[in-house]
């Protein structure tokens, strides 16, 4: 999923809302509240920070997530 998140965010070029990532990356269509995306982003950020010392690879904005 991490690779799919990177590819989707990179290709989208602007912030992507959580529900769009759920739909496009996970194929998850629901109005239920889930933290799947947030959890994956959190864990992925930790890996990137640890390996590359980059705390700003994926940023959060009011409009969603974006690769910086």
N, C-alpha and C. Protein backbone atom coordinates (compact mmCIF):
# COMPACT_ATOMS: atom_id res chain seq x y z
N UNK A 1 0.83 -1.20 0.00
CA UNK A 1 0.00 0.00 0.00
C UNK A 1 0.86 1.26 0.00
N UNK A 2 2.04 1.18 0.65
CA UNK A 2 2.89 2.36 0.71
C UNK A 2 3.30 2.83 -0.69
N UNK A 3 3.67 1.89 -1.52
CA UNK A 3 4.04 2.22 -2.90
C UNK A 3 2.86 2.83 -3.64
N UNK A 4 1.70 2.26 -3.46
CA UNK A 4 0.50 2.79 -4.13
C UNK A 4 0.16 4.19 -3.63
N UNK A 5 0.36 4.44 -2.35
CA UNK A 5 0.13 5.78 -1.80
C UNK A 5 1.08 6.77 -2.46
N UNK A 6 2.36 6.44 -2.52
CA UNK A 6 3.35 7.34 -3.12
C UNK A 6 3.01 7.63 -4.58
N UNK A 7 2.73 6.58 -5.33
CA UNK A 7 2.42 6.75 -6.75
C UNK A 7 1.18 7.62 -6.93
N UNK A 8 0.15 7.35 -6.15
CA UNK A 8 -1.08 8.13 -6.30
C UNK A 8 -0.85 9.59 -5.93
N UNK A 9 -0.21 9.85 -4.81
CA UNK A 9 0.04 11.24 -4.40
C UNK A 9 0.95 11.96 -5.39
N UNK A 10 1.97 11.26 -5.87
CA UNK A 10 2.89 11.87 -6.83
C UNK A 10 2.17 12.24 -8.12
N UNK A 11 1.34 11.35 -8.62
CA UNK A 11 0.64 11.59 -9.87
C UNK A 11 -0.48 12.62 -9.74
N UNK A 12 -1.05 12.77 -8.57
CA UNK A 12 -2.17 13.68 -8.38
C UNK A 12 -1.73 15.13 -8.35
N UNK A 13 -0.54 15.40 -7.85
CA UNK A 13 0.10 16.74 -7.86
C UNK A 13 -0.52 17.78 -6.93
N UNK A 14 -1.63 17.47 -6.29
CA UNK A 14 -2.20 18.40 -5.32
C UNK A 14 -2.70 17.57 -4.14
N UNK A 15 -3.05 18.20 -3.04
CA UNK A 15 -3.49 17.43 -1.86
C UNK A 15 -4.67 16.51 -2.17
N UNK A 16 -4.61 15.33 -1.58
CA UNK A 16 -5.63 14.31 -1.80
C UNK A 16 -6.34 14.02 -0.49
N UNK A 17 -7.64 14.12 -0.49
CA UNK A 17 -8.44 13.86 0.71
C UNK A 17 -8.41 12.38 1.07
N UNK A 18 -8.62 12.11 2.34
CA UNK A 18 -8.58 10.75 2.87
C UNK A 18 -9.57 9.85 2.15
N UNK A 19 -10.79 10.33 1.93
CA UNK A 19 -11.79 9.47 1.29
C UNK A 19 -11.41 9.10 -0.14
N UNK A 20 -10.68 9.98 -0.82
CA UNK A 20 -10.20 9.67 -2.17
C UNK A 20 -9.13 8.58 -2.10
N UNK A 21 -8.20 8.69 -1.14
CA UNK A 21 -7.18 7.65 -0.97
C UNK A 21 -7.82 6.32 -0.61
N UNK A 22 -8.82 6.35 0.27
CA UNK A 22 -9.51 5.11 0.62
C UNK A 22 -10.09 4.45 -0.62
N UNK A 23 -10.69 5.24 -1.45
CA UNK A 23 -11.34 4.73 -2.65
C UNK A 23 -10.33 4.26 -3.70
N UNK A 24 -9.34 5.08 -3.98
CA UNK A 24 -8.41 4.81 -5.08
C UNK A 24 -7.31 3.82 -4.72
N UNK A 25 -6.80 3.87 -3.51
CA UNK A 25 -5.69 2.99 -3.11
C UNK A 25 -6.20 1.69 -2.50
N UNK A 26 -7.24 1.79 -1.67
CA UNK A 26 -7.75 0.61 -0.97
C UNK A 26 -8.98 0.01 -1.66
N UNK A 27 -9.63 0.78 -2.53
CA UNK A 27 -10.87 0.31 -3.13
C UNK A 27 -11.99 0.25 -2.11
N UNK A 28 -11.89 1.09 -1.09
CA UNK A 28 -12.81 1.10 0.04
C UNK A 28 -13.83 2.21 -0.16
N UNK A 29 -15.08 1.84 -0.29
CA UNK A 29 -16.15 2.82 -0.49
C UNK A 29 -17.13 2.72 0.67
N UNK A 30 -17.08 3.69 1.57
CA UNK A 30 -17.98 3.66 2.70
C UNK A 30 -18.06 5.03 3.34
N UNK A 31 -19.15 5.28 4.00
CA UNK A 31 -19.30 6.51 4.76
C UNK A 31 -18.86 6.33 6.21
N UNK A 32 -18.42 5.12 6.55
CA UNK A 32 -17.97 4.86 7.91
C UNK A 32 -16.63 5.53 8.16
N UNK A 33 -16.41 5.95 9.39
CA UNK A 33 -15.15 6.57 9.77
C UNK A 33 -14.11 5.48 10.00
N UNK A 34 -13.00 5.57 9.30
CA UNK A 34 -11.92 4.61 9.48
C UNK A 34 -10.61 5.39 9.51
N UNK A 35 -9.64 4.86 10.19
CA UNK A 35 -8.34 5.52 10.30
C UNK A 35 -7.26 4.76 9.55
N UNK A 36 -7.66 3.95 8.59
CA UNK A 36 -6.71 3.15 7.82
C UNK A 36 -5.69 4.03 7.11
N UNK A 37 -6.14 5.05 6.43
CA UNK A 37 -5.23 5.92 5.69
C UNK A 37 -4.29 6.64 6.65
N UNK A 38 -4.85 7.22 7.70
CA UNK A 38 -4.03 7.96 8.66
C UNK A 38 -2.97 7.05 9.29
N UNK A 39 -3.34 5.83 9.61
CA UNK A 39 -2.41 4.89 10.23
C UNK A 39 -1.28 4.54 9.26
N UNK A 40 -1.62 4.26 8.01
CA UNK A 40 -0.59 3.94 7.02
C UNK A 40 0.34 5.12 6.79
N UNK A 41 -0.22 6.32 6.68
CA UNK A 41 0.60 7.51 6.48
C UNK A 41 1.52 7.73 7.68
N UNK A 42 0.99 7.58 8.88
CA UNK A 42 1.79 7.75 10.10
C UNK A 42 2.97 6.79 10.11
N UNK A 43 2.71 5.52 9.85
CA UNK A 43 3.77 4.50 9.87
C UNK A 43 4.78 4.74 8.74
N UNK A 44 4.28 5.13 7.59
CA UNK A 44 5.15 5.39 6.46
C UNK A 44 6.05 6.59 6.74
N UNK A 45 5.50 7.63 7.33
CA UNK A 45 6.31 8.81 7.68
C UNK A 45 7.43 8.42 8.64
N UNK A 46 7.13 7.56 9.60
CA UNK A 46 8.16 7.11 10.55
C UNK A 46 9.29 6.39 9.81
N UNK A 47 8.95 5.54 8.86
CA UNK A 47 9.98 4.82 8.09
C UNK A 47 10.84 5.79 7.29
N UNK A 48 10.19 6.74 6.62
CA UNK A 48 10.92 7.72 5.81
C UNK A 48 11.82 8.56 6.69
N UNK A 49 11.31 8.99 7.83
CA UNK A 49 12.09 9.81 8.76
C UNK A 49 13.31 9.05 9.26
N UNK A 50 13.11 7.81 9.63
CA UNK A 50 14.20 6.99 10.16
C UNK A 50 15.25 6.69 9.09
N UNK A 51 14.82 6.35 7.90
CA UNK A 51 15.74 5.95 6.83
C UNK A 51 16.40 7.13 6.12
N UNK A 52 15.64 8.21 5.94
CA UNK A 52 16.14 9.33 5.13
C UNK A 52 16.19 10.66 5.87
N UNK A 53 15.82 10.65 7.15
CA UNK A 53 15.82 11.86 7.96
C UNK A 53 15.00 12.97 7.29
N UNK A 54 13.88 12.58 6.72
CA UNK A 54 12.99 13.51 6.03
C UNK A 54 11.63 13.49 6.72
N UNK A 55 11.30 14.55 7.44
CA UNK A 55 10.03 14.63 8.16
C UNK A 55 8.93 15.30 7.34
N UNK A 56 9.25 15.69 6.12
CA UNK A 56 8.29 16.42 5.30
C UNK A 56 8.00 15.75 3.97
N UNK A 57 8.23 14.45 3.87
CA UNK A 57 8.00 13.76 2.60
C UNK A 57 6.51 13.77 2.24
N UNK A 58 5.68 13.42 3.20
CA UNK A 58 4.23 13.52 3.00
C UNK A 58 3.72 14.54 4.01
N UNK A 59 3.11 15.59 3.50
CA UNK A 59 2.61 16.63 4.39
C UNK A 59 1.08 16.57 4.44
N UNK A 60 0.55 17.05 5.54
CA UNK A 60 -0.89 17.15 5.72
C UNK A 60 -1.29 18.61 5.53
N UNK A 61 -2.33 18.81 4.76
CA UNK A 61 -2.89 20.14 4.60
C UNK A 61 -4.38 20.06 4.91
N UNK A 62 -5.04 21.18 4.90
CA UNK A 62 -6.50 21.17 5.12
C UNK A 62 -7.20 20.41 4.00
N UNK A 63 -6.56 20.33 2.85
CA UNK A 63 -7.17 19.68 1.68
C UNK A 63 -6.79 18.21 1.55
N UNK A 64 -5.91 17.71 2.40
CA UNK A 64 -5.52 16.30 2.33
C UNK A 64 -4.02 16.11 2.45
N UNK A 65 -3.56 14.98 1.93
CA UNK A 65 -2.15 14.63 1.97
C UNK A 65 -1.50 14.96 0.64
N UNK A 66 -0.20 15.33 0.73
CA UNK A 66 0.55 15.71 -0.47
C UNK A 66 2.01 15.32 -0.28
N UNK A 67 2.64 14.88 -1.37
CA UNK A 67 4.09 14.64 -1.33
C UNK A 67 4.75 15.99 -1.56
N UNK A 68 5.70 16.30 -0.72
CA UNK A 68 6.38 17.60 -0.78
C UNK A 68 7.70 17.44 -1.47
